Amino acid sequence: MSTLCTDCSAGVDHCHGTLVVHATGPADCTLPDCADTDSARHELRIDCRSIIGGCDCAEAEQLIAA
């Protein structure tokens, strides 16, 4: 059994990091060398509000809604 990623083997442009989607700004990737935060490149995506410890933009979103 191969340990290579099937997308890597197929030459598909993708990222192994998790895309953190923010409500009030651009998305971030958990891999520091990821320069393209296009959602299509990331199989794993989470909302920033699900991050343990929270996210600064979640507080900003609450202030905007108030």
C-alpha atoms as a PDB file:
ATOM      1  CA  MET A   1       0.000   0.000   0.000  1.00  0.00           C
ATOM      2  CA  SER A   2       1.315   3.429  -0.936  1.00  0.00           C
ATOM      3  CA  THR A   3       1.627   6.186   1.646  1.00  0.00           C
ATOM      4  CA  LEU A   4       1.445   8.877  -1.018  1.00  0.00           C
ATOM      5  CA  CYS A   5      -1.573  11.122  -1.265  1.00  0.00           C
ATOM      6  CA  THR A   6      -3.661  10.278  -4.345  1.00  0.00           C
ATOM      7  CA  ASP A   7      -3.843  13.967  -5.307  1.00  0.00           C
ATOM      8  CA  CYS A   8      -0.038  14.229  -5.034  1.00  0.00           C
ATOM      9  CA  SER A   9       0.352  11.117  -7.175  1.00  0.00           C
ATOM     10  CA  ALA A  10      -2.055  12.525  -9.776  1.00  0.00           C
ATOM     11  CA  GLY A  11      -0.350  15.941  -9.830  1.00  0.00           C
ATOM     12  CA  VAL A  12      -3.474  17.749  -8.587  1.00  0.00           C
ATOM     13  CA  ASP A  13      -2.863  21.235  -7.144  1.00  0.00           C
ATOM     14  CA  HIS A  14      -3.946  20.922  -3.522  1.00  0.00           C
ATOM     15  CA  CYS A  15      -2.950  21.599   0.076  1.00  0.00           C
ATOM     16  CA  HIS A  16      -2.653  19.215   3.015  1.00  0.00           C
ATOM     17  CA  GLY A  17      -3.503  21.930   5.531  1.00  0.00           C
ATOM     18  CA  THR A  18      -6.882  22.907   6.925  1.00  0.00           C
ATOM     19  CA  LEU A  19      -8.534  26.055   5.608  1.00  0.00           C
ATOM     20  CA  VAL A  20      -9.847  28.236   8.434  1.00  0.00           C
ATOM     21  CA  VAL A  21     -12.747  30.293   7.097  1.00  0.00           C
ATOM     22  CA  HIS A  22     -13.341  33.646   8.800  1.00  0.00           C
ATOM     23  CA  ALA A  23     -16.648  35.520   8.743  1.00  0.00           C
ATOM     24  CA  THR A  24     -15.025  38.947   8.641  1.00  0.00           C
ATOM     25  CA  GLY A  25     -11.974  38.473   6.459  1.00  0.00           C
ATOM     26  CA  PRO A  26      -9.859  36.254   4.270  1.00  0.00           C
ATOM     27  CA  ALA A  27      -9.315  32.584   5.054  1.00  0.00           C
ATOM     28  CA  ASP A  28      -6.105  31.200   6.582  1.00  0.00           C
ATOM     29  CA  CYS A  29      -4.431  27.843   6.119  1.00  0.00           C
ATOM     30  CA  THR A  30      -2.889  25.901   8.984  1.00  0.00           C
ATOM     31  CA  LEU A  31       0.247  25.331   6.901  1.00  0.00           C
ATOM     32  CA  PRO A  32       2.511  28.392   7.039  1.00  0.00           C
ATOM     33  CA  ASP A  33       3.878  27.867   3.510  1.00  0.00           C
ATOM     34  CA  CYS A  34       0.421  27.743   1.864  1.00  0.00           C
ATOM     35  CA  ALA A  35       0.117  30.810  -0.358  1.00  0.00           C
ATOM     36  CA  ASP A  36      -3.167  29.977  -2.126  1.00  0.00           C
ATOM     37  CA  THR A  37      -6.151  29.835   0.221  1.00  0.00           C
ATOM     38  CA  ASP A  38      -8.651  28.917  -2.488  1.00  0.00           C
ATOM     39  CA  SER A  39     -11.318  26.687  -0.956  1.00  0.00           C
ATOM     40  CA  ALA A  40     -11.071  24.212  -3.847  1.00  0.00           C
ATOM     41  CA  ARG A  41      -7.422  23.437  -2.939  1.00  0.00           C
ATOM     42  CA  HIS A  42      -8.322  22.395   0.617  1.00  0.00           C
ATOM     43  CA  GLU A  43     -10.181  19.196   1.361  1.00  0.00           C
ATOM     44  CA  LEU A  44     -10.453  20.174   5.024  1.00  0.00           C
ATOM     45  CA  ARG A  45     -12.273  23.403   5.911  1.00  0.00           C
ATOM     46  CA  ILE A  46     -13.489  24.665   9.273  1.00  0.00           C
ATOM     47  CA  ASP A  47     -15.274  27.743  10.513  1.00  0.00           C
ATOM     48  CA  CYS A  48     -13.048  29.909  12.719  1.00  0.00           C
ATOM     49  CA  ARG A  49     -15.642  29.801  15.500  1.00  0.00           C
ATOM     50  CA  SER A  50     -14.883  26.102  15.995  1.00  0.00           C
ATOM     51  CA  ILE A  51     -11.251  26.790  16.952  1.00  0.00           C
ATOM     52  CA  ILE A  52     -10.492  26.038  20.595  1.00  0.00           C
ATOM     53  CA  GLY A  53      -9.780  29.351  22.284  1.00  0.00           C
ATOM     54  CA  GLY A  54     -11.815  31.260  19.733  1.00  0.00           C
ATOM     55  CA  CYS A  55     -10.880  33.650  16.989  1.00  0.00           C
ATOM     56  CA  ASP A  56     -10.578  37.432  17.039  1.00  0.00           C
ATOM     57  CA  CYS A  57     -12.916  37.778  14.074  1.00  0.00           C
ATOM     58  CA  ALA A  58     -15.726  35.965  15.938  1.00  0.00           C
ATOM     59  CA  GLU A  59     -15.634  38.785  18.513  1.00  0.00           C
ATOM     60  CA  ALA A  60     -15.602  41.370  15.713  1.00  0.00           C
ATOM     61  CA  GLU A  61     -18.592  39.665  14.098  1.00  0.00           C
ATOM     62  CA  GLN A  62     -20.526  39.936  17.377  1.00  0.00           C
ATOM     63  CA  LEU A  63     -19.707  43.654  17.632  1.00  0.00           C
ATOM     64  CA  ILE A  64     -20.860  44.255  14.048  1.00  0.00           C
ATOM     65  CA  ALA A  65     -24.137  42.430  14.702  1.00  0.00           C
ATOM     66  CA  ALA A  66     -24.832  44.451  17.885  1.00  0.00           C
END
